[in-house]
Amino acid sequence: MNRIEKSAIRTFLQNHLLTNCMLEKEIIQYIFHLLHGKGKIFSTDETHFSWGGGFYAQVSSFHLKDDTCIQSIISHAAAIELLILLSKIYMDKAFRQIATHFPDKQIQIARLKRYLES
C-alpha cells in the first residue's frame, strides 16, 4: 500500500499558491498564515491531525494500487484543505456580523464560535 505523506500535500499547496495562483501576494501570505494554524496542513505541531486533506489522503491511499493516481489524490487533498480554510474564513466573517447585530449577546456568540472551532 502506498501512503501519501503530509509533506507531499504541503509541497503541492506551496507550489500551487506561489506559482499558479493569481491572487495578490498579500492574500497568498494570509492564506499561508492561516494554513499554519492548529489542525491545518502546515501546522508544525505534529500532535494535531489535518482533518481536511490529510484525512482524505490517508483514506484514499487505502485503495491505491499504483502510483498513477497519487498526484490526483494530492491535488484533491490540497483542494479540500483550501475549502475548509475558506469555510473558516466565512464562519469568522459571519460571527463578526452576528456580533455587530446582537451586541448584548457577545459572550454567547464567542462561546458558540469556540465550540464550533474545537
PDB file of N, CA and C in Angstrom:
ATOM      1  N   MET A   1       0.833  -1.181   0.000  1.00  0.00           N
ATOM      2  CA  MET A   1       0.000   0.000   0.000  1.00  0.00           C
ATOM      3  C   MET A   1       0.881   1.250   0.000  1.00  0.00           C
ATOM      4  N   ASN A   2       0.551   2.186  -0.844  1.00  0.00           N
ATOM      5  CA  ASN A   2       1.243   3.473  -0.864  1.00  0.00           C
ATOM      6  C   ASN A   2       0.632   4.380   0.187  1.00  0.00           C
ATOM      7  N   ARG A   3       1.469   5.191   0.794  1.00  0.00           N
ATOM      8  CA  ARG A   3       0.991   6.153   1.793  1.00  0.00           C
ATOM      9  C   ARG A   3       1.376   7.539   1.313  1.00  0.00           C
ATOM     10  N   ILE A   4       0.409   8.416   1.300  1.00  0.00           N
ATOM     11  CA  ILE A   4       0.664   9.780   0.861  1.00  0.00           C
ATOM     12  C   ILE A   4       1.055  10.601   2.082  1.00  0.00           C
ATOM     13  N   GLU A   5       2.245  11.156   2.034  1.00  0.00           N
ATOM     14  CA  GLU A   5       2.759  11.920   3.160  1.00  0.00           C
ATOM     15  C   GLU A   5       2.174  13.330   3.187  1.00  0.00           C
ATOM     16  N   LYS A   6       2.072  13.858   4.387  1.00  0.00           N
ATOM     17  CA  LYS A   6       1.604  15.235   4.583  1.00  0.00           C
ATOM     18  C   LYS A   6       2.506  16.220   3.832  1.00  0.00           C
ATOM     19  N   SER A   7       3.775  15.897   3.759  1.00  0.00           N
ATOM     20  CA  SER A   7       4.720  16.786   3.080  1.00  0.00           C
ATOM     21  C   SER A   7       4.414  16.914   1.583  1.00  0.00           C
ATOM     22  N   ALA A   8       3.861  15.853   0.979  1.00  0.00           N
ATOM     23  CA  ALA A   8       3.511  15.923  -0.444  1.00  0.00           C
ATOM     24  C   ALA A   8       2.371  16.918  -0.668  1.00  0.00           C
ATOM     25  N   ILE A   9       1.405  16.933   0.247  1.00  0.00           N
ATOM     26  CA  ILE A   9       0.294  17.881   0.146  1.00  0.00           C
ATOM     27  C   ILE A   9       0.809  19.296   0.387  1.00  0.00           C
ATOM     28  N   ARG A  10       1.687  19.448   1.377  1.00  0.00           N
ATOM     29  CA  ARG A  10       2.282  20.767   1.657  1.00  0.00           C
ATOM     30  C   ARG A  10       3.033  21.296   0.431  1.00  0.00           C
ATOM     31  N   THR A  11       3.841  20.430  -0.172  1.00  0.00           N
ATOM     32  CA  THR A  11       4.629  20.837  -1.346  1.00  0.00           C
ATOM     33  C   THR A  11       3.712  21.247  -2.489  1.00  0.00           C
ATOM     34  N   PHE A  12       2.666  20.465  -2.719  1.00  0.00           N
ATOM     35  CA  PHE A  12       1.727  20.786  -3.790  1.00  0.00           C
ATOM     36  C   PHE A  12       1.068  22.141  -3.530  1.00  0.00           C
ATOM     37  N   LEU A  13       0.576  22.348  -2.314  1.00  0.00           N
ATOM     38  CA  LEU A  13      -0.085  23.615  -1.974  1.00  0.00           C
ATOM     39  C   LEU A  13       0.866  24.799  -2.126  1.00  0.00           C
ATOM     40  N   GLN A  14       2.063  24.637  -1.607  1.00  0.00           N
ATOM     41  CA  GLN A  14       3.043  25.720  -1.687  1.00  0.00           C
ATOM     42  C   GLN A  14       3.355  26.056  -3.145  1.00  0.00           C
ATOM     43  N   ASN A  15       3.591  25.041  -3.951  1.00  0.00           N
ATOM     44  CA  ASN A  15       3.890  25.256  -5.365  1.00  0.00           C
ATOM     45  C   ASN A  15       2.704  25.911  -6.077  1.00  0.00           C
ATOM     46  N   HIS A  16       1.515  25.420  -5.798  1.00  0.00           N
ATOM     47  CA  HIS A  16       0.332  25.973  -6.455  1.00  0.00           C
ATOM     48  C   HIS A  16       0.107  27.433  -6.076  1.00  0.00           C
ATOM     49  N   LEU A  17       0.184  27.723  -4.796  1.00  0.00           N
ATOM     50  CA  LEU A  17      -0.086  29.097  -4.353  1.00  0.00           C
ATOM     51  C   LEU A  17       1.006  30.075  -4.799  1.00  0.00           C
ATOM     52  N   LEU A  18       2.230  29.613  -4.881  1.00  0.00           N
ATOM     53  CA  LEU A  18       3.320  30.520  -5.238  1.00  0.00           C
ATOM     54  C   LEU A  18       3.533  30.659  -6.746  1.00  0.00           C
ATOM     55  N   THR A  19       3.117  29.667  -7.538  1.00  0.00           N
ATOM     56  CA  THR A  19       3.394  29.741  -8.972  1.00  0.00           C
ATOM     57  C   THR A  19       2.146  29.812  -9.853  1.00  0.00           C
ATOM     58  N   ASN A  20       1.073  29.140  -9.458  1.00  0.00           N
ATOM     59  CA  ASN A  20      -0.100  29.062 -10.319  1.00  0.00           C
ATOM     60  C   ASN A  20      -1.266  29.940  -9.878  1.00  0.00           C
ATOM     61  N   CYS A  21      -1.184  30.491  -8.714  1.00  0.00           N
ATOM     62  CA  CYS A  21      -2.296  31.243  -8.143  1.00  0.00           C
ATOM     63  C   CYS A  21      -2.236  32.709  -8.599  1.00  0.00           C
ATOM     64  N   MET A  22      -3.381  33.245  -9.002  1.00  0.00           N
ATOM     65  CA  MET A  22      -3.414  34.620  -9.498  1.00  0.00           C
ATOM     66  C   MET A  22      -3.907  35.608  -8.443  1.00  0.00           C
ATOM     67  N   LEU A  23      -3.898  35.214  -7.178  1.00  0.00           N
ATOM     68  CA  LEU A  23      -4.290  36.122  -6.109  1.00  0.00           C
ATOM     69  C   LEU A  23      -3.154  37.096  -5.808  1.00  0.00           C
ATOM     70  N   GLU A  24      -3.510  38.182  -5.152  1.00  0.00           N
ATOM     71  CA  GLU A  24      -2.490  39.155  -4.758  1.00  0.00           C
ATOM     72  C   GLU A  24      -1.563  38.541  -3.712  1.00  0.00           C
ATOM     73  N   LYS A  25      -0.341  39.031  -3.694  1.00  0.00           N
ATOM     74  CA  LYS A  25       0.697  38.489  -2.807  1.00  0.00           C
ATOM     75  C   LYS A  25       0.261  38.515  -1.337  1.00  0.00           C
ATOM     76  N   GLU A  26      -0.383  39.605  -0.912  1.00  0.00           N
ATOM     77  CA  GLU A  26      -0.813  39.734   0.479  1.00  0.00           C
ATOM     78  C   GLU A  26      -1.852  38.671   0.840  1.00  0.00           C
ATOM     79  N   ILE A  27      -2.739  38.362  -0.095  1.00  0.00           N
ATOM     80  CA  ILE A  27      -3.759  37.349   0.157  1.00  0.00           C
ATOM     81  C   ILE A  27      -3.116  35.969   0.259  1.00  0.00           C
ATOM     82  N   ILE A  28      -2.167  35.696  -0.610  1.00  0.00           N
ATOM     83  CA  ILE A  28      -1.456  34.408  -0.559  1.00  0.00           C
ATOM     84  C   ILE A  28      -0.704  34.269   0.763  1.00  0.00           C
ATOM     85  N   GLN A  29      -0.062  35.333   1.221  1.00  0.00           N
ATOM     86  CA  GLN A  29       0.633  35.292   2.508  1.00  0.00           C
ATOM     87  C   GLN A  29      -0.348  35.031   3.647  1.00  0.00           C
ATOM     88  N   TYR A  30      -1.533  35.655   3.569  1.00  0.00           N
ATOM     89  CA  TYR A  30      -2.553  35.441   4.599  1.00  0.00           C
ATOM     90  C   TYR A  30      -3.042  33.992   4.586  1.00  0.00           C
ATOM     91  N   ILE A  31      -3.224  33.428   3.396  1.00  0.00           N
ATOM     92  CA  ILE A  31      -3.632  32.027   3.283  1.00  0.00           C
ATOM     93  C   ILE A  31      -2.583  31.127   3.930  1.00  0.00           C
ATOM     94  N   PHE A  32      -1.298  31.370   3.635  1.00  0.00           N
ATOM     95  CA  PHE A  32      -0.228  30.577   4.257  1.00  0.00           C
ATOM     96  C   PHE A  32      -0.262  30.726   5.774  1.00  0.00           C
ATOM     97  N   HIS A  33      -0.474  31.939   6.245  1.00  0.00           N
ATOM     98  CA  HIS A  33      -0.561  32.174   7.690  1.00  0.00           C
ATOM     99  C   HIS A  33      -1.671  31.320   8.303  1.00  0.00           C
ATOM    100  N   LEU A  34      -2.843  31.322   7.675  1.00  0.00           N
ATOM    101  CA  LEU A  34      -3.972  30.541   8.190  1.00  0.00           C
ATOM    102  C   LEU A  34      -3.725  29.040   8.097  1.00  0.00           C
ATOM    103  N   LEU A  35      -3.029  28.606   7.061  1.00  0.00           N
ATOM    104  CA  LEU A  35      -2.741  27.178   6.892  1.00  0.00           C
ATOM    105  C   LEU A  35      -1.716  26.656   7.902  1.00  0.00           C
ATOM    106  N   HIS A  36      -1.119  27.547   8.691  1.00  0.00           N
ATOM    107  CA  HIS A  36      -0.190  27.138   9.743  1.00  0.00           C
ATOM    108  C   HIS A  36      -0.881  27.006  11.099  1.00  0.00           C
ATOM    109  N   GLY A  37      -2.182  27.244  11.152  1.00  0.00           N
ATOM    110  CA  GLY A  37      -2.926  27.180  12.406  1.00  0.00           C
ATOM    111  C   GLY A  37      -3.135  25.759  12.892  1.00  0.00           C
ATOM    112  N   LYS A  38      -3.685  25.657  14.084  1.00  0.00           N
ATOM    113  CA  LYS A  38      -3.959  24.366  14.725  1.00  0.00           C
ATOM    114  C   LYS A  38      -4.849  23.507  13.822  1.00  0.00           C
ATOM    115  N   GLY A  39      -4.408  22.289  13.557  1.00  0.00           N
ATOM    116  CA  GLY A  39      -5.182  21.360  12.755  1.00  0.00           C
ATOM    117  C   GLY A  39      -5.098  21.588  11.255  1.00  0.00           C
ATOM    118  N   LYS A  40      -4.278  22.549  10.841  1.00  0.00           N
ATOM    119  CA  LYS A  40      -4.133  22.821   9.409  1.00  0.00           C
ATOM    120  C   LYS A  40      -2.895  22.114   8.870  1.00  0.00           C
ATOM    121  N   ILE A  41      -2.791  22.019   7.581  1.00  0.00           N
ATOM    122  CA  ILE A  41      -1.780  21.193   6.904  1.00  0.00           C
ATOM    123  C   ILE A  41      -0.342  21.646   7.166  1.00  0.00           C
ATOM    124  N   PHE A  42      -0.107  22.946   7.360  1.00  0.00           N
ATOM    125  CA  PHE A  42       1.248  23.446   7.598  1.00  0.00           C
ATOM    126  C   PHE A  42       1.581  23.601   9.082  1.00  0.00           C
ATOM    127  N   SER A  43       0.688  23.179   9.956  1.00  0.00           N
ATOM    128  CA  SER A  43       0.943  23.302  11.392  1.00  0.00           C
ATOM    129  C   SER A  43       2.200  22.517  11.763  1.00  0.00           C
ATOM    130  N   THR A  44       3.052  23.126  12.561  1.00  0.00           N
ATOM    131  CA  THR A  44       4.284  22.452  12.978  1.00  0.00           C
ATOM    132  C   THR A  44       4.050  21.559  14.195  1.00  0.00           C
ATOM    133  N   ASP A  45       2.873  21.657  14.787  1.00  0.00           N
ATOM    134  CA  ASP A  45       2.527  20.809  15.924  1.00  0.00           C
ATOM    135  C   ASP A  45       2.087  19.452  15.391  1.00  0.00           C
ATOM    136  N   GLU A  46       2.945  18.477  15.478  1.00  0.00           N
ATOM    137  CA  GLU A  46       2.671  17.159  14.901  1.00  0.00           C
ATOM    138  C   GLU A  46       1.622  16.373  15.679  1.00  0.00           C
ATOM    139  N   THR A  47       1.185  16.890  16.833  1.00  0.00           N
ATOM    140  CA  THR A  47       0.155  16.166  17.582  1.00  0.00           C
ATOM    141  C   THR A  47      -1.228  16.414  17.005  1.00  0.00           C
ATOM    142  N   HIS A  48      -1.371  17.401  16.120  1.00  0.00           N
ATOM    143  CA  HIS A  48      -2.666  17.692  15.515  1.00  0.00           C
ATOM    144  C   HIS A  48      -2.742  17.089  14.123  1.00  0.00           C
ATOM    145  N   PHE A  49      -3.818  16.397  13.895  1.00  0.00           N
ATOM    146  CA  PHE A  49      -4.059  15.763  12.603  1.00  0.00           C
ATOM    147  C   PHE A  49      -4.801  16.743  11.706  1.00  0.00           C
ATOM    148  N   SER A  50      -4.481  16.749  10.439  1.00  0.00           N
ATOM    149  CA  SER A  50      -5.174  17.581   9.468  1.00  0.00           C
ATOM    150  C   SER A  50      -6.445  16.843   9.026  1.00  0.00           C
ATOM    151  N   TRP A  51      -7.584  17.306   9.513  1.00  0.00           N
ATOM    152  CA  TRP A  51      -8.837  16.621   9.217  1.00  0.00           C
ATOM    153  C   TRP A  51      -9.308  16.864   7.804  1.00  0.00           C
ATOM    154  N   GLY A  52      -8.739  17.792   7.117  1.00  0.00           N
ATOM    155  CA  GLY A  52      -9.163  18.073   5.749  1.00  0.00           C
ATOM    156  C   GLY A  52      -8.484  17.157   4.763  1.00  0.00           C
ATOM    157  N   GLY A  53      -7.500  17.713   4.083  1.00  0.00           N
ATOM    158  CA  GLY A  53      -6.800  16.974   3.049  1.00  0.00           C
ATOM    159  C   GLY A  53      -6.011  15.799   3.580  1.00  0.00           C
ATOM    160  N   GLY A  54      -5.473  15.928   4.778  1.00  0.00           N
ATOM    161  CA  GLY A  54      -4.701  14.830   5.366  1.00  0.00           C
ATOM    162  C   GLY A  54      -5.550  13.590   5.553  1.00  0.00           C
ATOM    163  N   PHE A  55      -6.742  13.785   6.067  1.00  0.00           N
ATOM    164  CA  PHE A  55      -7.662  12.665   6.261  1.00  0.00           C
ATOM    165  C   PHE A  55      -8.065  12.049   4.918  1.00  0.00           C
ATOM    166  N   TYR A  56      -8.412  12.906   3.969  1.00  0.00           N
ATOM    167  CA  TYR A  56      -8.792  12.426   2.636  1.00  0.00           C
ATOM    168  C   TYR A  56      -7.655  11.598   2.017  1.00  0.00           C
ATOM    169  N   ALA A  57      -6.432  12.106   2.111  1.00  0.00           N
ATOM    170  CA  ALA A  57      -5.290  11.409   1.503  1.00  0.00           C
ATOM    171  C   ALA A  57      -5.061  10.043   2.146  1.00  0.00           C
ATOM    172  N   GLN A  58      -5.205   9.972   3.464  1.00  0.00           N
ATOM    173  CA  GLN A  58      -4.978   8.695   4.136  1.00  0.00           C
ATOM    174  C   GLN A  58      -6.045   7.673   3.767  1.00  0.00           C
ATOM    175  N   VAL A  59      -7.311   8.101   3.751  1.00  0.00           N
ATOM    176  CA  VAL A  59      -8.382   7.180   3.378  1.00  0.00           C
ATOM    177  C   VAL A  59      -8.239   6.756   1.919  1.00  0.00           C
ATOM    178  N   SER A  60      -7.906   7.695   1.046  1.00  0.00           N
ATOM    179  CA  SER A  60      -7.743   7.374  -0.377  1.00  0.00           C
ATOM    180  C   SER A  60      -6.585   6.424  -0.616  1.00  0.00           C
ATOM    181  N   SER A  61      -5.541   6.525   0.192  1.00  0.00           N
ATOM    182  CA  SER A  61      -4.369   5.680  -0.022  1.00  0.00           C
ATOM    183  C   SER A  61      -4.643   4.212   0.291  1.00  0.00           C
ATOM    184  N   PHE A  62      -5.715   3.913   1.024  1.00  0.00           N
ATOM    185  CA  PHE A  62      -6.069   2.513   1.278  1.00  0.00           C
ATOM    186  C   PHE A  62      -6.425   1.784  -0.015  1.00  0.00           C
ATOM    187  N   HIS A  63      -6.940   2.521  -0.975  1.00  0.00           N
ATOM    188  CA  HIS A  63      -7.399   1.922  -2.227  1.00  0.00           C
ATOM    189  C   HIS A  63      -6.414   2.122  -3.374  1.00  0.00           C
ATOM    190  N   LEU A  64      -5.256   2.644  -3.061  1.00  0.00           N
ATOM    191  CA  LEU A  64      -4.264   2.955  -4.080  1.00  0.00           C
ATOM    192  C   LEU A  64      -3.501   1.688  -4.453  1.00  0.00           C
ATOM    193  N   LYS A  65      -3.532   1.354  -5.718  1.00  0.00           N
ATOM    194  CA  LYS A  65      -2.841   0.148  -6.171  1.00  0.00           C
ATOM    195  C   LYS A  65      -1.513   0.458  -6.857  1.00  0.00           C
ATOM    196  N   ASP A  66      -1.388   1.639  -7.432  1.00  0.00           N
ATOM    197  CA  ASP A  66      -0.139   2.025  -8.076  1.00  0.00           C
ATOM    198  C   ASP A  66       0.025   3.538  -7.957  1.00  0.00           C
ATOM    199  N   ASP A  67       1.071   4.049  -8.565  1.00  0.00           N
ATOM    200  CA  ASP A  67       1.388   5.471  -8.437  1.00  0.00           C
ATOM    201  C   ASP A  67       0.622   6.368  -9.414  1.00  0.00           C
ATOM    202  N   THR A  68      -0.239   5.801 -10.230  1.00  0.00           N
ATOM    203  CA  THR A  68      -0.865   6.595 -11.293  1.00  0.00           C
ATOM    204  C   THR A  68      -1.800   7.679 -10.774  1.00  0.00           C
ATOM    205  N   CYS A  69      -2.460   7.440  -9.662  1.00  0.00           N
ATOM    206  CA  CYS A  69      -3.419   8.444  -9.202  1.00  0.00           C
ATOM    207  C   CYS A  69      -2.950   9.194  -7.949  1.00  0.00           C
ATOM    208  N   ILE A  70      -1.710   9.033  -7.562  1.00  0.00           N
ATOM    209  CA  ILE A  70      -1.212   9.728  -6.377  1.00  0.00           C
ATOM    210  C   ILE A  70      -1.304  11.239  -6.547  1.00  0.00           C
ATOM    211  N   GLN A  71      -0.905  11.759  -7.699  1.00  0.00           N
ATOM    212  CA  GLN A  71      -0.945  13.207  -7.915  1.00  0.00           C
ATOM    213  C   GLN A  71      -2.373  13.734  -7.846  1.00  0.00           C
ATOM    214  N   SER A  72      -3.313  12.951  -8.343  1.00  0.00           N
ATOM    215  CA  SER A  72      -4.717  13.341  -8.280  1.00  0.00           C
ATOM    216  C   SER A  72      -5.204  13.414  -6.833  1.00  0.00           C
ATOM    217  N   ILE A  73      -4.834  12.447  -6.035  1.00  0.00           N
ATOM    218  CA  ILE A  73      -5.224  12.441  -4.621  1.00  0.00           C
ATOM    219  C   ILE A  73      -4.592  13.624  -3.900  1.00  0.00           C
ATOM    220  N   ILE A  74      -3.322  13.906  -4.196  1.00  0.00           N
ATOM    221  CA  ILE A  74      -2.641  15.046  -3.566  1.00  0.00           C
ATOM    222  C   ILE A  74      -3.326  16.356  -3.931  1.00  0.00           C
ATOM    223  N   SER A  75      -3.685  16.528  -5.198  1.00  0.00           N
ATOM    224  CA  SER A  75      -4.346  17.776  -5.605  1.00  0.00           C
ATOM    225  C   SER A  75      -5.734  17.888  -4.983  1.00  0.00           C
ATOM    226  N   HIS A  76      -6.453  16.774  -4.881  1.00  0.00           N
ATOM    227  CA  HIS A  76      -7.761  16.798  -4.223  1.00  0.00           C
ATOM    228  C   HIS A  76      -7.614  17.111  -2.737  1.00  0.00           C
ATOM    229  N   ALA A  77      -6.617  16.535  -2.098  1.00  0.00           N
ATOM    230  CA  ALA A  77      -6.376  16.803  -0.673  1.00  0.00           C
ATOM    231  C   ALA A  77      -6.063  18.286  -0.451  1.00  0.00           C
ATOM    232  N   ALA A  78      -5.271  18.863  -1.336  1.00  0.00           N
ATOM    233  CA  ALA A  78      -4.947  20.292  -1.235  1.00  0.00           C
ATOM    234  C   ALA A  78      -6.201  21.140  -1.412  1.00  0.00           C
ATOM    235  N   ALA A  79      -7.047  20.760  -2.359  1.00  0.00           N
ATOM    236  CA  ALA A  79      -8.296  21.498  -2.587  1.00  0.00           C
ATOM    237  C   ALA A  79      -9.202  21.421  -1.358  1.00  0.00           C
ATOM    238  N   ILE A  80      -9.253  20.263  -0.724  1.00  0.00           N
ATOM    239  CA  ILE A  80     -10.063  20.115   0.490  1.00  0.00           C
ATOM    240  C   ILE A  80      -9.530  21.014   1.595  1.00  0.00           C
ATOM    241  N   GLU A  81      -8.202  21.067   1.747  1.00  0.00           N
ATOM    242  CA  GLU A  81      -7.607  21.972   2.743  1.00  0.00           C
ATOM    243  C   GLU A  81      -8.042  23.412   2.504  1.00  0.00           C
ATOM    244  N   LEU A  82      -8.013  23.840   1.247  1.00  0.00           N
ATOM    245  CA  LEU A  82      -8.396  25.218   0.919  1.00  0.00           C
ATOM    246  C   LEU A  82      -9.891  25.447   1.124  1.00  0.00           C
ATOM    247  N   LEU A  83     -10.723  24.460   0.827  1.00  0.00           N
ATOM    248  CA  LEU A  83     -12.155  24.600   1.052  1.00  0.00           C
ATOM    249  C   LEU A  83     -12.486  24.713   2.539  1.00  0.00           C
ATOM    250  N   ILE A  84     -11.824  23.919   3.344  1.00  0.00           N
ATOM    251  CA  ILE A  84     -12.052  24.005   4.790  1.00  0.00           C
ATOM    252  C   ILE A  84     -11.575  25.348   5.314  1.00  0.00           C
ATOM    253  N   LEU A  85     -10.452  25.821   4.804  1.00  0.00           N
ATOM    254  CA  LEU A  85      -9.950  27.139   5.199  1.00  0.00           C
ATOM    255  C   LEU A  85     -10.950  28.226   4.808  1.00  0.00           C
ATOM    256  N   LEU A  86     -11.512  28.131   3.621  1.00  0.00           N
ATOM    257  CA  LEU A  86     -12.500  29.094   3.163  1.00  0.00           C
ATOM    258  C   LEU A  86     -13.731  29.083   4.070  1.00  0.00           C
ATOM    259  N   SER A  87     -14.161  27.902   4.478  1.00  0.00           N
ATOM    260  CA  SER A  87     -15.331  27.833   5.369  1.00  0.00           C
ATOM    261  C   SER A  87     -15.024  28.489   6.711  1.00  0.00           C
ATOM    262  N   LYS A  88     -13.784  28.373   7.193  1.00  0.00           N
ATOM    263  CA  LYS A  88     -13.404  29.042   8.445  1.00  0.00           C
ATOM    264  C   LYS A  88     -13.434  30.562   8.278  1.00  0.00           C
ATOM    265  N   ILE A  89     -12.945  31.044   7.139  1.00  0.00           N
ATOM    266  CA  ILE A  89     -12.951  32.488   6.882  1.00  0.00           C
ATOM    267  C   ILE A  89     -14.386  33.010   6.859  1.00  0.00           C
ATOM    268  N   TYR A  90     -15.277  32.292   6.177  1.00  0.00           N
ATOM    269  CA  TYR A  90     -16.681  32.709   6.121  1.00  0.00           C
ATOM    270  C   TYR A  90     -17.347  32.624   7.492  1.00  0.00           C
ATOM    271  N   MET A  91     -17.012  31.596   8.267  1.00  0.00           N
ATOM    272  CA  MET A  91     -17.580  31.477   9.603  1.00  0.00           C
ATOM    273  C   MET A  91     -17.139  32.657  10.474  1.00  0.00           C
ATOM    274  N   ASP A  92     -15.855  33.019  10.396  1.00  0.00           N
ATOM    275  CA  ASP A  92     -15.367  34.162  11.168  1.00  0.00           C
ATOM    276  C   ASP A  92     -16.093  35.443  10.772  1.00  0.00           C
ATOM    277  N   LYS A  93     -16.275  35.632   9.480  1.00  0.00           N
ATOM    278  CA  LYS A  93     -16.979  36.824   8.995  1.00  0.00           C
ATOM    279  C   LYS A  93     -18.430  36.820   9.466  1.00  0.00           C
ATOM    280  N   ALA A  94     -19.081  35.683   9.404  1.00  0.00           N
ATOM    281  CA  ALA A  94     -20.481  35.586   9.848  1.00  0.00           C
ATOM    282  C   ALA A  94     -20.603  35.897  11.332  1.00  0.00           C
ATOM    283  N   PHE A  95     -19.682  35.386  12.147  1.00  0.00           N
ATOM    284  CA  PHE A  95     -19.739  35.662  13.579  1.00  0.00           C
ATOM    285  C   PHE A  95     -19.493  37.134  13.879  1.00  0.00           C
ATOM    286  N   ARG A  96     -18.628  37.775  13.102  1.00  0.00           N
ATOM    287  CA  ARG A  96     -18.416  39.225  13.296  1.00  0.00           C
ATOM    288  C   ARG A  96     -19.694  39.992  12.968  1.00  0.00           C
ATOM    289  N   GLN A  97     -20.380  39.603  11.903  1.00  0.00           N
ATOM    290  CA  GLN A  97     -21.620  40.283  11.536  1.00  0.00           C
ATOM    291  C   GLN A  97     -22.716  40.032  12.567  1.00  0.00           C
ATOM    292  N   ILE A  98     -22.823  38.802  13.039  1.00  0.00           N
ATOM    293  CA  ILE A  98     -23.819  38.489  14.068  1.00  0.00           C
ATOM    294  C   ILE A  98     -23.541  39.297  15.328  1.00  0.00           C
ATOM    295  N   ALA A  99     -22.272  39.388  15.694  1.00  0.00           N
ATOM    296  CA  ALA A  99     -21.900  40.118  16.911  1.00  0.00           C
ATOM    297  C   ALA A  99     -22.253  41.607  16.805  1.00  0.00           C
ATOM    298  N   THR A 100     -22.142  42.187  15.615  1.00  0.00           N
ATOM    299  CA  THR A 100     -22.495  43.607  15.479  1.00  0.00           C
ATOM    300  C   THR A 100     -24.004  43.809  15.560  1.00  0.00           C
ATOM    301  N   HIS A 101     -24.788  42.838  15.163  1.00  0.00           N
ATOM    302  CA  HIS A 101     -26.247  42.954  15.217  1.00  0.00           C
ATOM    303  C   HIS A 101     -26.811  42.626  16.600  1.00  0.00           C
ATOM    304  N   PHE A 102     -26.071  41.860  17.376  1.00  0.00           N
ATOM    305  CA  PHE A 102     -26.526  41.462  18.710  1.00  0.00           C
ATOM    306  C   PHE A 102     -25.436  41.749  19.741  1.00  0.00           C
ATOM    307  N   PRO A 103     -25.145  43.035  19.991  1.00  0.00           N
ATOM    308  CA  PRO A 103     -24.049  43.377  20.907  1.00  0.00           C
ATOM    309  C   PRO A 103     -24.250  42.857  22.327  1.00  0.00           C
ATOM    310  N   ASP A 104     -25.497  42.643  22.735  1.00  0.00           N
ATOM    311  CA  ASP A 104     -25.744  42.144  24.085  1.00  0.00           C
ATOM    312  C   ASP A 104     -25.509  40.642  24.207  1.00  0.00           C
ATOM    313  N   LYS A 105     -25.225  39.968  23.118  1.00  0.00           N
ATOM    314  CA  LYS A 105     -25.004  38.513  23.114  1.00  0.00           C
ATOM    315  C   LYS A 105     -23.550  38.143  22.813  1.00  0.00           C
ATOM    316  N   GLN A 106     -22.614  39.055  23.020  1.00  0.00           N
ATOM    317  CA  GLN A 106     -21.197  38.850  22.683  1.00  0.00           C
ATOM    318  C   GLN A 106     -20.617  37.588  23.332  1.00  0.00           C
ATOM    319  N   ILE A 107     -20.903  37.381  24.603  1.00  0.00           N
ATOM    320  CA  ILE A 107     -20.325  36.240  25.325  1.00  0.00           C
ATOM    321  C   ILE A 107     -20.857  34.927  24.756  1.00  0.00           C
ATOM    322  N   GLN A 108     -22.160  34.853  24.522  1.00  0.00           N
ATOM    323  CA  GLN A 108     -22.752  33.630  23.974  1.00  0.00           C
ATOM    324  C   GLN A 108     -22.227  33.355  22.559  1.00  0.00           C
ATOM    325  N   ILE A 109     -22.075  34.398  21.765  1.00  0.00           N
ATOM    326  CA  ILE A 109     -21.564  34.241  20.400  1.00  0.00           C
ATOM    327  C   ILE A 109     -20.127  33.737  20.430  1.00  0.00           C
ATOM    328  N   ALA A 110     -19.302  34.294  21.319  1.00  0.00           N
ATOM    329  CA  ALA A 110     -17.906  33.854  21.435  1.00  0.00           C
ATOM    330  C   ALA A 110     -17.831  32.398  21.875  1.00  0.00           C
ATOM    331  N   ARG A 111     -18.685  32.001  22.818  1.00  0.00           N
ATOM    332  CA  ARG A 111     -18.702  30.601  23.267  1.00  0.00           C
ATOM    333  C   ARG A 111     -19.097  29.663  22.135  1.00  0.00           C
ATOM    334  N   LEU A 112     -20.113  30.040  21.365  1.00  0.00           N
ATOM    335  CA  LEU A 112     -20.555  29.219  20.246  1.00  0.00           C
ATOM    336  C   LEU A 112     -19.444  29.091  19.202  1.00  0.00           C
ATOM    337  N   LYS A 113     -18.763  30.176  18.920  1.00  0.00           N
ATOM    338  CA  LYS A 113     -17.669  30.150  17.945  1.00  0.00           C
ATOM    339  C   LYS A 113     -16.544  29.213  18.414  1.00  0.00           C
ATOM    340  N   ARG A 114     -16.149  29.335  19.683  1.00  0.00           N
ATOM    341  CA  ARG A 114     -15.100  28.454  20.225  1.00  0.00           C
ATOM    342  C   ARG A 114     -15.524  26.987  20.165  1.00  0.00           C
ATOM    343  N   TYR A 115     -16.803  26.728  20.474  1.00  0.00           N
ATOM    344  CA  TYR A 115     -17.307  25.363  20.427  1.00  0.00           C
ATOM    345  C   TYR A 115     -17.220  24.801  18.995  1.00  0.00           C
ATOM    346  N   LEU A 116     -17.648  25.580  18.019  1.00  0.00           N
ATOM    347  CA  LEU A 116     -17.622  25.122  16.635  1.00  0.00           C
ATOM    348  C   LEU A 116     -16.203  24.943  16.094  1.00  0.00           C
ATOM    349  N   GLU A 117     -15.259  25.697  16.614  1.00  0.00           N
ATOM    350  CA  GLU A 117     -13.873  25.593  16.147  1.00  0.00           C
ATOM    351  C   GLU A 117     -13.114  24.454  16.816  1.00  0.00           C
ATOM    352  N   SER A 118     -13.640  23.917  17.913  1.00  0.00           N
ATOM    353  CA  SER A 118     -12.907  22.851  18.603  1.00  0.00           C
ATOM    354  C   SER A 118     -13.187  21.492  18.027  1.00  0.00           C
TER     355      SER A 118
END
